[in-house]
Amino acid sequence: MQLNTTIATDGKGLWSSTSTDVQCTSASLAYCTPECDFGELRVYFDTESWLVDEVGLVYTDPGFLKNLKSLLASEGINTVDINYSEAGMQADDYVSFDVGAEFIQSWLALGYRFC
């Protein structure tokens, strides 16, 4: 899913106190169980707009999660079962989220596939 939009952080996460807009480029369902009841959503960002080595991980930022959910919901994706995945799943160019069956079914219904 192409995003090409900004998603704001509020600086209240455990890994960063930076409040800014993050230029997000795409989102992909990187993993899904065969039952389609659990998966990993990756939201990729422009590493020039968020420098992990300088400001920390987006991980746990409540504003980013809230704003991402709002964006995805506006596209018709069910966001009731999306939350940050564990810290070890985060990367220098994406934010990792655990997603459940409701998210996955709405994702697939809109024609998006797995990566």
N, C-alpha and C. Protein backbone atom coordinates (compact mmCIF):
# COMPACT_ATOMS: atom_id res chain seq x y z
N MET A 1 0.85 -1.17 0.00
CA MET A 1 0.00 0.00 0.00
C MET A 1 0.89 1.23 0.00
N GLN A 2 0.74 2.04 -1.01
CA GLN A 2 1.49 3.30 -1.05
C GLN A 2 0.86 4.30 -0.10
N LEU A 3 1.67 4.99 0.66
CA LEU A 3 1.16 5.98 1.60
C LEU A 3 1.50 7.40 1.16
N ASN A 4 2.78 7.69 1.02
CA ASN A 4 3.23 9.03 0.63
C ASN A 4 2.51 10.13 1.41
N THR A 5 2.56 10.00 2.72
CA THR A 5 1.92 10.96 3.61
C THR A 5 2.73 11.08 4.89
N THR A 6 2.43 12.07 5.68
CA THR A 6 3.08 12.18 6.98
C THR A 6 2.16 11.66 8.07
N ILE A 7 2.77 11.06 9.07
CA ILE A 7 2.06 10.63 10.27
C ILE A 7 2.81 11.23 11.45
N ALA A 8 2.09 11.96 12.27
CA ALA A 8 2.71 12.68 13.39
C ALA A 8 2.93 11.80 14.61
N THR A 9 4.08 11.98 15.24
CA THR A 9 4.34 11.41 16.55
C THR A 9 3.98 12.47 17.58
N ASP A 10 3.75 12.05 18.82
CA ASP A 10 3.48 13.04 19.87
C ASP A 10 4.61 13.13 20.90
N GLY A 11 5.66 12.31 20.71
CA GLY A 11 6.81 12.37 21.60
C GLY A 11 6.59 11.76 22.97
N LYS A 12 5.54 10.95 23.12
CA LYS A 12 5.24 10.36 24.42
C LYS A 12 5.51 8.86 24.46
N GLY A 13 6.34 8.39 23.52
CA GLY A 13 6.71 6.98 23.51
C GLY A 13 7.82 6.69 24.50
N LEU A 14 8.08 5.43 24.70
CA LEU A 14 9.14 5.02 25.62
C LEU A 14 10.53 5.10 25.01
N TRP A 15 10.61 5.16 23.68
CA TRP A 15 11.89 5.11 23.00
C TRP A 15 12.29 6.43 22.36
N SER A 16 11.38 7.40 22.37
CA SER A 16 11.69 8.71 21.80
C SER A 16 10.75 9.76 22.39
N SER A 17 11.30 10.96 22.58
CA SER A 17 10.48 12.08 23.05
C SER A 17 10.31 13.12 21.94
N THR A 18 10.54 12.69 20.70
CA THR A 18 10.44 13.60 19.56
C THR A 18 9.01 13.66 19.04
N SER A 19 8.51 14.88 18.93
CA SER A 19 7.18 15.13 18.37
C SER A 19 7.38 15.79 17.01
N THR A 20 7.05 15.05 15.94
CA THR A 20 7.27 15.57 14.59
C THR A 20 6.46 14.77 13.59
N ASP A 21 6.43 15.24 12.36
CA ASP A 21 5.80 14.50 11.27
C ASP A 21 6.82 13.54 10.68
N VAL A 22 6.40 12.30 10.46
CA VAL A 22 7.24 11.28 9.86
C VAL A 22 6.71 11.01 8.46
N GLN A 23 7.55 11.16 7.45
CA GLN A 23 7.15 10.90 6.07
C GLN A 23 7.08 9.39 5.86
N CYS A 24 5.87 8.88 5.73
CA CYS A 24 5.66 7.44 5.54
C CYS A 24 5.44 7.16 4.06
N THR A 25 6.11 6.14 3.56
CA THR A 25 6.11 5.86 2.13
C THR A 25 5.20 4.71 1.73
N SER A 26 5.11 3.69 2.59
CA SER A 26 4.29 2.53 2.24
C SER A 26 4.00 1.69 3.47
N ALA A 27 3.05 0.78 3.30
CA ALA A 27 2.72 -0.19 4.34
C ALA A 27 2.57 -1.54 3.66
N SER A 28 3.04 -2.58 4.33
CA SER A 28 2.89 -3.92 3.75
C SER A 28 2.60 -4.93 4.85
N LEU A 29 1.84 -5.93 4.49
CA LEU A 29 1.59 -7.05 5.38
C LEU A 29 2.71 -8.03 5.12
N ALA A 30 3.72 -7.95 5.98
CA ALA A 30 4.96 -8.70 5.76
C ALA A 30 4.84 -10.17 6.14
N TYR A 31 3.90 -10.47 7.01
CA TYR A 31 3.72 -11.85 7.46
C TYR A 31 2.26 -12.05 7.82
N CYS A 32 1.76 -13.26 7.58
CA CYS A 32 0.41 -13.62 7.97
C CYS A 32 0.36 -15.12 8.21
N THR A 33 -0.31 -15.54 9.27
CA THR A 33 -0.46 -16.97 9.52
C THR A 33 -1.34 -17.59 8.45
N PRO A 34 -1.24 -18.89 8.24
CA PRO A 34 -2.10 -19.56 7.25
C PRO A 34 -3.60 -19.36 7.54
N GLU A 35 -3.95 -19.20 8.81
CA GLU A 35 -5.35 -18.99 9.20
C GLU A 35 -5.80 -17.54 9.02
N CYS A 36 -4.87 -16.68 8.67
CA CYS A 36 -5.14 -15.23 8.52
C CYS A 36 -5.71 -14.61 9.80
N ASP A 37 -5.19 -15.06 10.94
CA ASP A 37 -5.67 -14.50 12.20
C ASP A 37 -4.60 -13.69 12.95
N PHE A 38 -3.40 -13.64 12.40
CA PHE A 38 -2.31 -12.87 13.02
C PHE A 38 -1.28 -12.55 11.94
N GLY A 39 -0.74 -11.34 12.00
CA GLY A 39 0.28 -10.97 11.03
C GLY A 39 1.11 -9.80 11.51
N GLU A 40 2.04 -9.41 10.64
CA GLU A 40 2.89 -8.24 10.91
C GLU A 40 2.69 -7.22 9.80
N LEU A 41 2.31 -6.02 10.21
CA LEU A 41 2.21 -4.87 9.32
C LEU A 41 3.47 -4.05 9.49
N ARG A 42 4.10 -3.69 8.38
CA ARG A 42 5.26 -2.80 8.42
C ARG A 42 4.89 -1.49 7.75
N VAL A 43 5.13 -0.40 8.46
CA VAL A 43 4.91 0.94 7.92
C VAL A 43 6.28 1.54 7.68
N TYR A 44 6.63 1.68 6.41
CA TYR A 44 7.95 2.19 6.02
C TYR A 44 7.96 3.71 6.02
N PHE A 45 9.09 4.27 6.43
CA PHE A 45 9.22 5.72 6.47
C PHE A 45 10.52 6.16 5.80
N ASP A 46 10.53 7.41 5.38
CA ASP A 46 11.71 8.03 4.78
C ASP A 46 12.72 8.27 5.91
N THR A 47 13.87 7.67 5.80
CA THR A 47 14.87 7.77 6.87
C THR A 47 15.48 9.17 7.01
N GLU A 48 15.17 10.05 6.09
CA GLU A 48 15.59 11.45 6.24
C GLU A 48 14.63 12.20 7.17
N SER A 49 13.37 11.73 7.25
CA SER A 49 12.39 12.42 8.10
C SER A 49 12.38 11.88 9.53
N TRP A 50 12.95 10.70 9.74
CA TRP A 50 13.05 10.13 11.08
C TRP A 50 14.38 9.39 11.16
N LEU A 51 15.31 9.95 11.90
CA LEU A 51 16.64 9.37 12.04
C LEU A 51 16.71 8.56 13.33
N VAL A 52 16.53 7.27 13.23
CA VAL A 52 16.47 6.39 14.40
C VAL A 52 17.70 6.55 15.29
N ASP A 53 18.88 6.66 14.69
CA ASP A 53 20.11 6.79 15.48
C ASP A 53 20.15 8.07 16.30
N GLU A 54 19.42 9.09 15.87
CA GLU A 54 19.43 10.36 16.57
C GLU A 54 18.26 10.54 17.53
N VAL A 55 17.06 10.11 17.12
CA VAL A 55 15.86 10.38 17.92
C VAL A 55 15.21 9.13 18.53
N GLY A 56 15.71 7.96 18.21
CA GLY A 56 15.16 6.72 18.76
C GLY A 56 14.09 6.11 17.87
N LEU A 57 13.46 5.09 18.38
CA LEU A 57 12.43 4.38 17.63
C LEU A 57 11.07 5.08 17.77
N VAL A 58 10.27 5.00 16.71
CA VAL A 58 8.89 5.46 16.78
C VAL A 58 8.11 4.57 17.75
N TYR A 59 8.53 3.34 17.87
CA TYR A 59 7.92 2.30 18.70
C TYR A 59 7.36 2.85 20.02
N THR A 60 6.14 2.55 20.31
CA THR A 60 5.35 2.90 21.50
C THR A 60 4.81 4.33 21.49
N ASP A 61 5.06 5.12 20.46
CA ASP A 61 4.54 6.48 20.43
C ASP A 61 3.01 6.42 20.24
N PRO A 62 2.24 6.87 21.24
CA PRO A 62 0.79 6.77 21.14
C PRO A 62 0.19 7.64 20.04
N GLY A 63 0.79 8.79 19.77
CA GLY A 63 0.28 9.66 18.71
C GLY A 63 0.44 9.04 17.34
N PHE A 64 1.57 8.41 17.10
CA PHE A 64 1.81 7.76 15.80
C PHE A 64 0.78 6.65 15.59
N LEU A 65 0.55 5.83 16.60
CA LEU A 65 -0.42 4.74 16.47
C LEU A 65 -1.82 5.28 16.23
N LYS A 66 -2.22 6.28 16.98
CA LYS A 66 -3.54 6.89 16.82
C LYS A 66 -3.71 7.46 15.41
N ASN A 67 -2.70 8.18 14.94
CA ASN A 67 -2.79 8.81 13.62
C ASN A 67 -2.73 7.77 12.50
N LEU A 68 -1.95 6.71 12.69
CA LEU A 68 -1.92 5.63 11.70
C LEU A 68 -3.28 4.95 11.61
N LYS A 69 -3.88 4.66 12.77
CA LYS A 69 -5.20 4.02 12.78
C LYS A 69 -6.23 4.89 12.06
N SER A 70 -6.17 6.17 12.30
CA SER A 70 -7.09 7.09 11.64
C SER A 70 -6.91 7.07 10.12
N LEU A 71 -5.67 7.08 9.68
CA LEU A 71 -5.36 7.04 8.25
C LEU A 71 -5.86 5.74 7.63
N LEU A 72 -5.55 4.62 8.26
CA LEU A 72 -5.97 3.32 7.72
C LEU A 72 -7.49 3.19 7.72
N ALA A 73 -8.15 3.66 8.78
CA ALA A 73 -9.61 3.61 8.85
C ALA A 73 -10.25 4.43 7.73
N SER A 74 -9.63 5.55 7.38
CA SER A 74 -10.17 6.37 6.29
C SER A 74 -10.07 5.66 4.94
N GLU A 75 -9.22 4.64 4.87
CA GLU A 75 -9.08 3.83 3.66
C GLU A 75 -9.99 2.59 3.71
N GLY A 76 -10.73 2.43 4.80
CA GLY A 76 -11.64 1.30 4.94
C GLY A 76 -11.05 0.08 5.60
N ILE A 77 -9.93 0.26 6.29
CA ILE A 77 -9.27 -0.86 6.96
C ILE A 77 -9.66 -0.86 8.44
N ASN A 78 -10.04 -2.03 8.93
CA ASN A 78 -10.42 -2.19 10.33
C ASN A 78 -9.15 -2.15 11.19
N THR A 79 -9.12 -1.25 12.15
CA THR A 79 -7.91 -1.05 12.95
C THR A 79 -8.08 -1.47 14.41
N VAL A 80 -9.14 -2.20 14.72
CA VAL A 80 -9.41 -2.57 16.10
C VAL A 80 -8.32 -3.46 16.68
N ASP A 81 -7.64 -4.24 15.84
CA ASP A 81 -6.66 -5.20 16.34
C ASP A 81 -5.25 -4.94 15.79
N ILE A 82 -4.83 -3.68 15.87
CA ILE A 82 -3.47 -3.31 15.49
C ILE A 82 -2.78 -2.66 16.69
N ASN A 83 -1.59 -3.14 16.98
CA ASN A 83 -0.77 -2.60 18.06
C ASN A 83 0.70 -2.79 17.72
N TYR A 84 1.54 -2.02 18.37
CA TYR A 84 2.97 -2.18 18.15
C TYR A 84 3.39 -3.61 18.46
N SER A 85 4.27 -4.15 17.63
CA SER A 85 4.87 -5.45 17.93
C SER A 85 6.01 -5.22 18.92
N GLU A 86 6.76 -6.24 19.22
CA GLU A 86 7.83 -6.11 20.21
C GLU A 86 8.99 -5.24 19.70
N ALA A 87 9.80 -4.76 20.60
CA ALA A 87 10.90 -3.85 20.27
C ALA A 87 11.87 -4.46 19.27
N GLY A 88 12.14 -5.75 19.38
CA GLY A 88 13.08 -6.40 18.48
C GLY A 88 12.61 -6.50 17.04
N MET A 89 11.34 -6.24 16.80
CA MET A 89 10.78 -6.30 15.44
C MET A 89 10.89 -4.95 14.71
N GLN A 90 11.29 -3.90 15.42
CA GLN A 90 11.39 -2.57 14.83
C GLN A 90 12.66 -2.46 14.00
N ALA A 91 12.67 -1.54 13.04
CA ALA A 91 13.83 -1.40 12.16
C ALA A 91 14.17 0.08 11.96
N ASP A 92 15.26 0.31 11.25
CA ASP A 92 15.71 1.67 10.96
C ASP A 92 14.88 2.35 9.88
N ASP A 93 14.04 1.57 9.15
CA ASP A 93 13.26 2.17 8.07
C ASP A 93 11.79 1.80 8.10
N TYR A 94 11.34 1.10 9.13
CA TYR A 94 9.92 0.81 9.29
C TYR A 94 9.55 0.63 10.75
N VAL A 95 8.24 0.77 10.99
CA VAL A 95 7.66 0.52 12.30
C VAL A 95 6.84 -0.76 12.16
N SER A 96 7.02 -1.69 13.08
CA SER A 96 6.36 -2.99 13.02
C SER A 96 5.15 -3.03 13.95
N PHE A 97 4.05 -3.59 13.43
CA PHE A 97 2.82 -3.73 14.19
C PHE A 97 2.30 -5.15 14.11
N ASP A 98 1.72 -5.64 15.21
CA ASP A 98 0.97 -6.89 15.19
C ASP A 98 -0.44 -6.55 14.74
N VAL A 99 -0.99 -7.40 13.88
CA VAL A 99 -2.36 -7.21 13.41
C VAL A 99 -3.11 -8.53 13.56
N GLY A 100 -4.41 -8.41 13.76
CA GLY A 100 -5.24 -9.59 13.94
C GLY A 100 -6.16 -9.84 12.76
N ALA A 101 -7.08 -10.77 12.96
CA ALA A 101 -7.97 -11.25 11.90
C ALA A 101 -8.82 -10.13 11.28
N GLU A 102 -9.35 -9.24 12.09
CA GLU A 102 -10.21 -8.18 11.55
C GLU A 102 -9.43 -7.25 10.62
N PHE A 103 -8.24 -6.87 11.05
CA PHE A 103 -7.38 -6.05 10.19
C PHE A 103 -7.09 -6.79 8.89
N ILE A 104 -6.64 -8.03 9.00
CA ILE A 104 -6.22 -8.81 7.83
C ILE A 104 -7.38 -8.99 6.86
N GLN A 105 -8.56 -9.31 7.35
CA GLN A 105 -9.70 -9.51 6.46
C GLN A 105 -10.06 -8.22 5.72
N SER A 106 -10.02 -7.09 6.41
CA SER A 106 -10.34 -5.83 5.73
C SER A 106 -9.24 -5.44 4.75
N TRP A 107 -7.99 -5.73 5.07
CA TRP A 107 -6.85 -5.49 4.18
C TRP A 107 -7.03 -6.27 2.88
N LEU A 108 -7.32 -7.55 3.03
CA LEU A 108 -7.49 -8.42 1.86
C LEU A 108 -8.73 -8.04 1.05
N ALA A 109 -9.80 -7.65 1.73
CA ALA A 109 -11.04 -7.27 1.05
C ALA A 109 -10.84 -6.05 0.14
N LEU A 110 -9.88 -5.22 0.48
CA LEU A 110 -9.58 -4.03 -0.33
C LEU A 110 -8.61 -4.33 -1.47
N GLY A 111 -8.21 -5.58 -1.58
CA GLY A 111 -7.32 -5.99 -2.68
C GLY A 111 -5.85 -5.94 -2.38
N TYR A 112 -5.49 -5.58 -1.15
CA TYR A 112 -4.07 -5.60 -0.78
C TYR A 112 -3.66 -7.04 -0.50
N ARG A 113 -2.43 -7.35 -0.73
CA ARG A 113 -1.94 -8.71 -0.55
C ARG A 113 -0.79 -8.71 0.44
N PHE A 114 -0.22 -9.90 0.58
CA PHE A 114 0.96 -10.04 1.43
C PHE A 114 2.18 -9.61 0.62
N CYS A 115 3.22 -9.26 1.32
CA CYS A 115 4.44 -8.84 0.65
C CYS A 115 5.18 -10.01 0.07
